[in-house]
Amino acid sequence: MAAYPNATISGGFGVNQGSFNGGPYAATDALTISYNGSTWTYDFEPFRGPANKDECKDGGWRGLSDASGQPFKNQGQCVSDANRRSRG
């Protein structure tokens, strides 16, 4: 960076489930990118699920869904899903 302080990096990344594969429906979970000691994790699931059990508290479970898009019926169901996600 010292040699080129105004340099920029452009580009991108993509997820491919195979060429000419129009039938399956897929989601990408926990894509992690690390650079220079910082880490970012992206989750491209089509539905917002709990990142941790605390997101289920105080009615937060009402705005979240499981990976198939089904809304949670109660806080306990949301917490179970959050625990499953954290185990990877």
PDB file of N, CA and C in Angstrom:
ATOM      1  N   MET A   1       0.814  -1.181   0.000  1.00  0.00           N
ATOM      2  CA  MET A   1       0.000   0.000   0.000  1.00  0.00           C
ATOM      3  C   MET A   1       0.868   1.258   0.000  1.00  0.00           C
ATOM      4  N   ALA A   2       2.028   1.172   0.628  1.00  0.00           N
ATOM      5  CA  ALA A   2       2.884   2.351   0.669  1.00  0.00           C
ATOM      6  C   ALA A   2       3.326   2.756  -0.731  1.00  0.00           C
ATOM      7  N   ALA A   3       3.604   1.780  -1.584  1.00  0.00           N
ATOM      8  CA  ALA A   3       4.060   2.084  -2.931  1.00  0.00           C
ATOM      9  C   ALA A   3       2.933   2.606  -3.828  1.00  0.00           C
ATOM     10  N   TYR A   4       1.684   2.159  -3.575  1.00  0.00           N
ATOM     11  CA  TYR A   4       0.545   2.551  -4.413  1.00  0.00           C
ATOM     12  C   TYR A   4      -0.646   2.930  -3.526  1.00  0.00           C
ATOM     13  N   PRO A   5      -0.602   4.044  -2.855  1.00  0.00           N
ATOM     14  CA  PRO A   5      -1.655   4.400  -1.891  1.00  0.00           C
ATOM     15  C   PRO A   5      -3.032   4.615  -2.520  1.00  0.00           C
ATOM     16  N   ASN A   6      -3.098   4.921  -3.799  1.00  0.00           N
ATOM     17  CA  ASN A   6      -4.388   5.151  -4.448  1.00  0.00           C
ATOM     18  C   ASN A   6      -4.890   3.945  -5.243  1.00  0.00           C
ATOM     19  N   ALA A   7      -4.219   2.817  -5.108  1.00  0.00           N
ATOM     20  CA  ALA A   7      -4.624   1.618  -5.839  1.00  0.00           C
ATOM     21  C   ALA A   7      -5.962   1.111  -5.316  1.00  0.00           C
ATOM     22  N   THR A   8      -6.739   0.543  -6.208  1.00  0.00           N
ATOM     23  CA  THR A   8      -8.004  -0.079  -5.825  1.00  0.00           C
ATOM     24  C   THR A   8      -8.062  -1.483  -6.399  1.00  0.00           C
ATOM     25  N   ILE A   9      -8.872  -2.293  -5.799  1.00  0.00           N
ATOM     26  CA  ILE A   9      -9.087  -3.654  -6.272  1.00  0.00           C
ATOM     27  C   ILE A   9     -10.552  -3.762  -6.643  1.00  0.00           C
ATOM     28  N   SER A  10     -10.818  -4.238  -7.832  1.00  0.00           N
ATOM     29  CA  SER A  10     -12.201  -4.454  -8.228  1.00  0.00           C
ATOM     30  C   SER A  10     -12.336  -5.868  -8.748  1.00  0.00           C
ATOM     31  N   GLY A  11     -13.495  -6.377  -8.665  1.00  0.00           N
ATOM     32  CA  GLY A  11     -13.743  -7.743  -9.094  1.00  0.00           C
ATOM     33  C   GLY A  11     -14.935  -8.291  -8.351  1.00  0.00           C
ATOM     34  N   GLY A  12     -15.051  -9.541  -8.335  1.00  0.00           N
ATOM     35  CA  GLY A  12     -16.173 -10.132  -7.644  1.00  0.00           C
ATOM     36  C   GLY A  12     -16.005 -11.631  -7.528  1.00  0.00           C
ATOM     37  N   PHE A  13     -16.994 -12.248  -6.994  1.00  0.00           N
ATOM     38  CA  PHE A  13     -17.004 -13.697  -6.873  1.00  0.00           C
ATOM     39  C   PHE A  13     -18.422 -14.164  -7.159  1.00  0.00           C
ATOM     40  N   GLY A  14     -18.544 -15.410  -7.462  1.00  0.00           N
ATOM     41  CA  GLY A  14     -19.856 -15.965  -7.740  1.00  0.00           C
ATOM     42  C   GLY A  14     -19.952 -17.392  -7.258  1.00  0.00           C
ATOM     43  N   VAL A  15     -21.164 -17.868  -7.177  1.00  0.00           N
ATOM     44  CA  VAL A  15     -21.433 -19.229  -6.746  1.00  0.00           C
ATOM     45  C   VAL A  15     -22.135 -19.930  -7.906  1.00  0.00           C
ATOM     46  N   ASN A  16     -21.649 -21.095  -8.280  1.00  0.00           N
ATOM     47  CA  ASN A  16     -22.199 -21.823  -9.404  1.00  0.00           C
ATOM     48  C   ASN A  16     -22.488 -23.253  -8.969  1.00  0.00           C
ATOM     49  N   GLN A  17     -23.688 -23.721  -9.232  1.00  0.00           N
ATOM     50  CA  GLN A  17     -24.027 -25.105  -8.887  1.00  0.00           C
ATOM     51  C   GLN A  17     -23.879 -26.032 -10.076  1.00  0.00           C
ATOM     52  N   GLY A  18     -23.252 -25.550 -11.134  1.00  0.00           N
ATOM     53  CA  GLY A  18     -22.991 -26.381 -12.302  1.00  0.00           C
ATOM     54  C   GLY A  18     -23.634 -25.817 -13.554  1.00  0.00           C
ATOM     55  N   SER A  19     -22.950 -25.941 -14.642  1.00  0.00           N
ATOM     56  CA  SER A  19     -23.478 -25.437 -15.907  1.00  0.00           C
ATOM     57  C   SER A  19     -24.673 -26.261 -16.367  1.00  0.00           C
ATOM     58  N   PHE A  20     -25.617 -25.606 -16.980  1.00  0.00           N
ATOM     59  CA  PHE A  20     -26.813 -26.238 -17.538  1.00  0.00           C
ATOM     60  C   PHE A  20     -27.594 -27.027 -16.488  1.00  0.00           C
ATOM     61  N   ASN A  21     -27.600 -26.543 -15.272  1.00  0.00           N
ATOM     62  CA  ASN A  21     -28.255 -27.230 -14.171  1.00  0.00           C
ATOM     63  C   ASN A  21     -29.413 -26.376 -13.675  1.00  0.00           C
ATOM     64  N   GLY A  22     -30.459 -26.284 -14.470  1.00  0.00           N
ATOM     65  CA  GLY A  22     -31.570 -25.394 -14.156  1.00  0.00           C
ATOM     66  C   GLY A  22     -32.582 -25.919 -13.170  1.00  0.00           C
ATOM     67  N   GLY A  23     -32.526 -27.182 -12.810  1.00  0.00           N
ATOM     68  CA  GLY A  23     -33.546 -27.763 -11.955  1.00  0.00           C
ATOM     69  C   GLY A  23     -33.401 -27.507 -10.470  1.00  0.00           C
ATOM     70  N   PRO A  24     -32.243 -27.743  -9.882  1.00  0.00           N
ATOM     71  CA  PRO A  24     -32.115 -27.632  -8.435  1.00  0.00           C
ATOM     72  C   PRO A  24     -32.207 -26.202  -7.941  1.00  0.00           C
ATOM     73  N   TYR A  25     -32.654 -26.076  -6.716  1.00  0.00           N
ATOM     74  CA  TYR A  25     -32.683 -24.793  -6.018  1.00  0.00           C
ATOM     75  C   TYR A  25     -31.649 -24.894  -4.912  1.00  0.00           C
ATOM     76  N   ALA A  26     -30.749 -23.947  -4.811  1.00  0.00           N
ATOM     77  CA  ALA A  26     -29.677 -24.042  -3.824  1.00  0.00           C
ATOM     78  C   ALA A  26     -29.448 -22.700  -3.151  1.00  0.00           C
ATOM     79  N   ALA A  27     -28.840 -22.743  -1.984  1.00  0.00           N
ATOM     80  CA  ALA A  27     -28.438 -21.539  -1.265  1.00  0.00           C
ATOM     81  C   ALA A  27     -27.003 -21.737  -0.813  1.00  0.00           C
ATOM     82  N   THR A  28     -26.295 -20.662  -0.650  1.00  0.00           N
ATOM     83  CA  THR A  28     -24.907 -20.714  -0.208  1.00  0.00           C
ATOM     84  C   THR A  28     -24.856 -20.201   1.222  1.00  0.00           C
ATOM     85  N   ASP A  29     -24.244 -20.956   2.085  1.00  0.00           N
ATOM     86  CA  ASP A  29     -24.173 -20.586   3.490  1.00  0.00           C
ATOM     87  C   ASP A  29     -22.748 -20.290   3.911  1.00  0.00           C
ATOM     88  N   ALA A  30     -22.611 -19.282   4.716  1.00  0.00           N
ATOM     89  CA  ALA A  30     -21.369 -18.987   5.430  1.00  0.00           C
ATOM     90  C   ALA A  30     -20.148 -18.893   4.517  1.00  0.00           C
ATOM     91  N   LEU A  31     -20.258 -18.127   3.441  1.00  0.00           N
ATOM     92  CA  LEU A  31     -19.098 -17.833   2.617  1.00  0.00           C
ATOM     93  C   LEU A  31     -18.231 -16.863   3.410  1.00  0.00           C
ATOM     94  N   THR A  32     -17.014 -17.257   3.699  1.00  0.00           N
ATOM     95  CA  THR A  32     -16.130 -16.453   4.538  1.00  0.00           C
ATOM     96  C   THR A  32     -14.962 -15.933   3.716  1.00  0.00           C
ATOM     97  N   ILE A  33     -14.742 -14.632   3.796  1.00  0.00           N
ATOM     98  CA  ILE A  33     -13.630 -13.981   3.118  1.00  0.00           C
ATOM     99  C   ILE A  33     -12.786 -13.302   4.181  1.00  0.00           C
ATOM    100  N   SER A  34     -11.497 -13.560   4.137  1.00  0.00           N
ATOM    101  CA  SER A  34     -10.579 -12.963   5.114  1.00  0.00           C
ATOM    102  C   SER A  34      -9.500 -12.192   4.384  1.00  0.00           C
ATOM    103  N   TYR A  35      -9.123 -11.058   4.959  1.00  0.00           N
ATOM    104  CA  TYR A  35      -8.040 -10.264   4.406  1.00  0.00           C
ATOM    105  C   TYR A  35      -7.415  -9.424   5.510  1.00  0.00           C
ATOM    106  N   ASN A  36      -6.140  -9.527   5.634  1.00  0.00           N
ATOM    107  CA  ASN A  36      -5.380  -8.657   6.515  1.00  0.00           C
ATOM    108  C   ASN A  36      -5.918  -8.645   7.956  1.00  0.00           C
ATOM    109  N   GLY A  37      -6.291  -9.801   8.439  1.00  0.00           N
ATOM    110  CA  GLY A  37      -6.756  -9.916   9.816  1.00  0.00           C
ATOM    111  C   GLY A  37      -8.233  -9.657  10.018  1.00  0.00           C
ATOM    112  N   SER A  38      -8.955  -9.252   8.992  1.00  0.00           N
ATOM    113  CA  SER A  38     -10.401  -9.043   9.091  1.00  0.00           C
ATOM    114  C   SER A  38     -11.114 -10.167   8.357  1.00  0.00           C
ATOM    115  N   THR A  39     -12.267 -10.543   8.862  1.00  0.00           N
ATOM    116  CA  THR A  39     -13.044 -11.618   8.261  1.00  0.00           C
ATOM    117  C   THR A  39     -14.493 -11.175   8.101  1.00  0.00           C
ATOM    118  N   TRP A  40     -15.058 -11.486   6.938  1.00  0.00           N
ATOM    119  CA  TRP A  40     -16.463 -11.203   6.668  1.00  0.00           C
ATOM    120  C   TRP A  40     -17.133 -12.508   6.274  1.00  0.00           C
ATOM    121  N   THR A  41     -18.336 -12.733   6.784  1.00  0.00           N
ATOM    122  CA  THR A  41     -19.093 -13.924   6.438  1.00  0.00           C
ATOM    123  C   THR A  41     -20.401 -13.490   5.793  1.00  0.00           C
ATOM    124  N   TYR A  42     -20.709 -14.070   4.635  1.00  0.00           N
ATOM    125  CA  TYR A  42     -21.926 -13.763   3.903  1.00  0.00           C
ATOM    126  C   TYR A  42     -22.797 -15.006   3.856  1.00  0.00           C
ATOM    127  N   ASP A  43     -24.085 -14.815   4.021  1.00  0.00           N
ATOM    128  CA  ASP A  43     -25.043 -15.901   3.977  1.00  0.00           C
ATOM    129  C   ASP A  43     -26.094 -15.534   2.939  1.00  0.00           C
ATOM    130  N   PHE A  44     -26.168 -16.285   1.873  1.00  0.00           N
ATOM    131  CA  PHE A  44     -27.046 -15.952   0.771  1.00  0.00           C
ATOM    132  C   PHE A  44     -28.356 -16.728   0.784  1.00  0.00           C
ATOM    133  N   GLU A  45     -28.744 -17.241   1.927  1.00  0.00           N
ATOM    134  CA  GLU A  45     -30.006 -17.950   1.989  1.00  0.00           C
ATOM    135  C   GLU A  45     -31.138 -17.002   1.638  1.00  0.00           C
ATOM    136  N   PRO A  46     -32.178 -17.515   1.001  1.00  0.00           N
ATOM    137  CA  PRO A  46     -33.277 -16.631   0.596  1.00  0.00           C
ATOM    138  C   PRO A  46     -34.149 -16.161   1.751  1.00  0.00           C
ATOM    139  N   PHE A  47     -33.991 -16.754   2.930  1.00  0.00           N
ATOM    140  CA  PHE A  47     -34.804 -16.381   4.081  1.00  0.00           C
ATOM    141  C   PHE A  47     -33.906 -16.014   5.242  1.00  0.00           C
ATOM    142  N   ARG A  48     -34.321 -15.062   6.029  1.00  0.00           N
ATOM    143  CA  ARG A  48     -33.519 -14.601   7.162  1.00  0.00           C
ATOM    144  C   ARG A  48     -33.764 -15.507   8.352  1.00  0.00           C
ATOM    145  N   GLY A  49     -32.718 -16.201   8.785  1.00  0.00           N
ATOM    146  CA  GLY A  49     -32.779 -17.048   9.957  1.00  0.00           C
ATOM    147  C   GLY A  49     -31.969 -16.425  11.082  1.00  0.00           C
ATOM    148  N   PRO A  50     -32.063 -16.970  12.270  1.00  0.00           N
ATOM    149  CA  PRO A  50     -31.334 -16.411  13.405  1.00  0.00           C
ATOM    150  C   PRO A  50     -29.836 -16.690  13.324  1.00  0.00           C
ATOM    151  N   ALA A  51     -29.028 -15.664  13.522  1.00  0.00           N
ATOM    152  CA  ALA A  51     -27.575 -15.835  13.558  1.00  0.00           C
ATOM    153  C   ALA A  51     -27.150 -16.427  14.898  1.00  0.00           C
ATOM    154  N   ASN A  52     -27.932 -16.166  15.933  1.00  0.00           N
ATOM    155  CA  ASN A  52     -27.674 -16.715  17.264  1.00  0.00           C
ATOM    156  C   ASN A  52     -28.980 -16.710  18.046  1.00  0.00           C
ATOM    157  N   LYS A  53     -28.986 -17.385  19.185  1.00  0.00           N
ATOM    158  CA  LYS A  53     -30.237 -17.538  19.943  1.00  0.00           C
ATOM    159  C   LYS A  53     -30.758 -16.214  20.498  1.00  0.00           C
ATOM    160  N   ASP A  54     -29.877 -15.239  20.676  1.00  0.00           N
ATOM    161  CA  ASP A  54     -30.329 -13.952  21.200  1.00  0.00           C
ATOM    162  C   ASP A  54     -31.256 -13.228  20.226  1.00  0.00           C
ATOM    163  N   GLU A  55     -31.113 -13.483  18.933  1.00  0.00           N
ATOM    164  CA  GLU A  55     -32.000 -12.862  17.952  1.00  0.00           C
ATOM    165  C   GLU A  55     -33.433 -13.371  18.065  1.00  0.00           C
ATOM    166  N   CYS A  56     -33.629 -14.484  18.750  1.00  0.00           N
ATOM    167  CA  CYS A  56     -34.962 -15.055  18.917  1.00  0.00           C
ATOM    168  C   CYS A  56     -35.710 -14.424  20.092  1.00  0.00           C
ATOM    169  N   LYS A  57     -35.010 -13.737  20.970  1.00  0.00           N
ATOM    170  CA  LYS A  57     -35.602 -13.183  22.189  1.00  0.00           C
ATOM    171  C   LYS A  57     -36.478 -11.968  21.906  1.00  0.00           C
ATOM    172  N   ASP A  58     -37.328 -11.661  22.859  1.00  0.00           N
ATOM    173  CA  ASP A  58     -38.180 -10.469  22.828  1.00  0.00           C
ATOM    174  C   ASP A  58     -39.007 -10.372  21.542  1.00  0.00           C
ATOM    175  N   GLY A  59     -39.512 -11.506  21.085  1.00  0.00           N
ATOM    176  CA  GLY A  59     -40.357 -11.524  19.901  1.00  0.00           C
ATOM    177  C   GLY A  59     -39.605 -11.510  18.581  1.00  0.00           C
ATOM    178  N   GLY A  60     -38.273 -11.499  18.640  1.00  0.00           N
ATOM    179  CA  GLY A  60     -37.482 -11.488  17.414  1.00  0.00           C
ATOM    180  C   GLY A  60     -37.752 -12.677  16.522  1.00  0.00           C
ATOM    181  N   TRP A  61     -38.150 -13.803  17.095  1.00  0.00           N
ATOM    182  CA  TRP A  61     -38.434 -15.012  16.334  1.00  0.00           C
ATOM    183  C   TRP A  61     -39.559 -14.798  15.325  1.00  0.00           C
ATOM    184  N   ARG A  62     -40.422 -13.815  15.575  1.00  0.00           N
ATOM    185  CA  ARG A  62     -41.569 -13.587  14.685  1.00  0.00           C
ATOM    186  C   ARG A  62     -41.154 -13.106  13.289  1.00  0.00           C
ATOM    187  N   GLY A  63     -39.985 -12.499  13.165  1.00  0.00           N
ATOM    188  CA  GLY A  63     -39.532 -12.010  11.873  1.00  0.00           C
ATOM    189  C   GLY A  63     -38.517 -12.906  11.193  1.00  0.00           C
ATOM    190  N   LEU A  64     -38.303 -14.102  11.737  1.00  0.00           N
ATOM    191  CA  LEU A  64     -37.285 -15.005  11.210  1.00  0.00           C
ATOM    192  C   LEU A  64     -37.916 -16.287  10.682  1.00  0.00           C
ATOM    193  N   SER A  65     -37.164 -17.002   9.848  1.00  0.00           N
ATOM    194  CA  SER A  65     -37.646 -18.253   9.253  1.00  0.00           C
ATOM    195  C   SER A  65     -36.545 -19.298   9.288  1.00  0.00           C
ATOM    196  N   ASP A  66     -36.949 -20.548   9.140  1.00  0.00           N
ATOM    197  CA  ASP A  66     -35.944 -21.598   9.001  1.00  0.00           C
ATOM    198  C   ASP A  66     -35.410 -21.590   7.574  1.00  0.00           C
ATOM    199  N   ALA A  67     -34.465 -22.458   7.264  1.00  0.00           N
ATOM    200  CA  ALA A  67     -33.807 -22.453   5.960  1.00  0.00           C
ATOM    201  C   ALA A  67     -34.759 -22.753   4.807  1.00  0.00           C
ATOM    202  N   SER A  68     -35.900 -23.377   5.098  1.00  0.00           N
ATOM    203  CA  SER A  68     -36.865 -23.660   4.033  1.00  0.00           C
ATOM    204  C   SER A  68     -37.887 -22.537   3.868  1.00  0.00           C
ATOM    205  N   GLY A  69     -37.751 -21.484   4.667  1.00  0.00           N
ATOM    206  CA  GLY A  69     -38.648 -20.339   4.553  1.00  0.00           C
ATOM    207  C   GLY A  69     -39.870 -20.390   5.442  1.00  0.00           C
ATOM    208  N   GLN A  70     -39.979 -21.437   6.256  1.00  0.00           N
ATOM    209  CA  GLN A  70     -41.121 -21.553   7.155  1.00  0.00           C
ATOM    210  C   GLN A  70     -40.913 -20.663   8.379  1.00  0.00           C
ATOM    211  N   PRO A  71     -41.876 -19.804   8.685  1.00  0.00           N
ATOM    212  CA  PRO A  71     -41.733 -18.969   9.882  1.00  0.00           C
ATOM    213  C   PRO A  71     -41.774 -19.834  11.145  1.00  0.00           C
ATOM    214  N   PHE A  72     -41.081 -19.373  12.155  1.00  0.00           N
ATOM    215  CA  PHE A  72     -41.080 -20.114  13.415  1.00  0.00           C
ATOM    216  C   PHE A  72     -42.428 -19.970  14.110  1.00  0.00           C
ATOM    217  N   LYS A  73     -42.833 -21.033  14.810  1.00  0.00           N
ATOM    218  CA  LYS A  73     -44.103 -21.032  15.531  1.00  0.00           C
ATOM    219  C   LYS A  73     -43.949 -20.453  16.925  1.00  0.00           C
ATOM    220  N   ASN A  74     -42.706 -20.469  17.434  1.00  0.00           N
ATOM    221  CA  ASN A  74     -42.470 -19.959  18.780  1.00  0.00           C
ATOM    222  C   ASN A  74     -40.974 -19.689  18.974  1.00  0.00           C
ATOM    223  N   GLN A  75     -40.643 -19.124  20.107  1.00  0.00           N
ATOM    224  CA  GLN A  75     -39.247 -18.786  20.401  1.00  0.00           C
ATOM    225  C   GLN A  75     -38.374 -20.031  20.519  1.00  0.00           C
ATOM    226  N   GLY A  76     -38.892 -21.092  21.093  1.00  0.00           N
ATOM    227  CA  GLY A  76     -38.119 -22.321  21.264  1.00  0.00           C
ATOM    228  C   GLY A  76     -37.689 -22.924  19.932  1.00  0.00           C
ATOM    229  N   GLN A  77     -38.572 -22.889  18.963  1.00  0.00           N
ATOM    230  CA  GLN A  77     -38.237 -23.406  17.636  1.00  0.00           C
ATOM    231  C   GLN A  77     -37.123 -22.571  17.012  1.00  0.00           C
ATOM    232  N   CYS A  78     -37.185 -21.270  17.214  1.00  0.00           N
ATOM    233  CA  CYS A  78     -36.154 -20.365  16.700  1.00  0.00           C
ATOM    234  C   CYS A  78     -34.808 -20.639  17.370  1.00  0.00           C
ATOM    235  N   VAL A  79     -34.803 -20.806  18.679  1.00  0.00           N
ATOM    236  CA  VAL A  79     -33.565 -21.077  19.419  1.00  0.00           C
ATOM    237  C   VAL A  79     -32.949 -22.392  18.957  1.00  0.00           C
ATOM    238  N   SER A  80     -33.778 -23.412  18.757  1.00  0.00           N
ATOM    239  CA  SER A  80     -33.264 -24.702  18.264  1.00  0.00           C
ATOM    240  C   SER A  80     -32.590 -24.543  16.914  1.00  0.00           C
ATOM    241  N   ASP A  81     -33.199 -23.753  16.039  1.00  0.00           N
ATOM    242  CA  ASP A  81     -32.617 -23.526  14.723  1.00  0.00           C
ATOM    243  C   ASP A  81     -31.304 -22.753  14.832  1.00  0.00           C
ATOM    244  N   ALA A  82     -31.262 -21.759  15.705  1.00  0.00           N
ATOM    245  CA  ALA A  82     -30.029 -20.983  15.911  1.00  0.00           C
ATOM    246  C   ALA A  82     -28.908 -21.879  16.429  1.00  0.00           C
ATOM    247  N   ASN A  83     -29.234 -22.772  17.352  1.00  0.00           N
ATOM    248  CA  ASN A  83     -28.221 -23.689  17.876  1.00  0.00           C
ATOM    249  C   ASN A  83     -27.723 -24.638  16.786  1.00  0.00           C
ATOM    250  N   ARG A  84     -28.606 -25.099  15.928  1.00  0.00           N
ATOM    251  CA  ARG A  84     -28.224 -25.980  14.815  1.00  0.00           C
ATOM    252  C   ARG A  84     -27.281 -25.249  13.874  1.00  0.00           C
ATOM    253  N   ARG A  85     -27.582 -23.995  13.570  1.00  0.00           N
ATOM    254  CA  ARG A  85     -26.744 -23.202  12.670  1.00  0.00           C
ATOM    255  C   ARG A  85     -25.359 -22.987  13.268  1.00  0.00           C
ATOM    256  N   SER A  86     -25.299 -22.753  14.558  1.00  0.00           N
ATOM    257  CA  SER A  86     -24.001 -22.459  15.183  1.00  0.00           C
ATOM    258  C   SER A  86     -23.096 -23.686  15.217  1.00  0.00           C
ATOM    259  N   ARG A  87     -23.684 -24.879  15.168  1.00  0.00           N
ATOM    260  CA  ARG A  87     -22.887 -26.106  15.140  1.00  0.00           C
ATOM    261  C   ARG A  87     -22.361 -26.391  13.745  1.00  0.00           C
ATOM    262  N   GLY A  88     -22.935 -25.685  12.723  1.00  0.00           N
ATOM    263  CA  GLY A  88     -22.478 -25.816  11.351  1.00  0.00           C
ATOM    264  C   GLY A  88     -22.848 -27.107  10.766  1.00  0.00           C
TER     265      GLY A  88
END
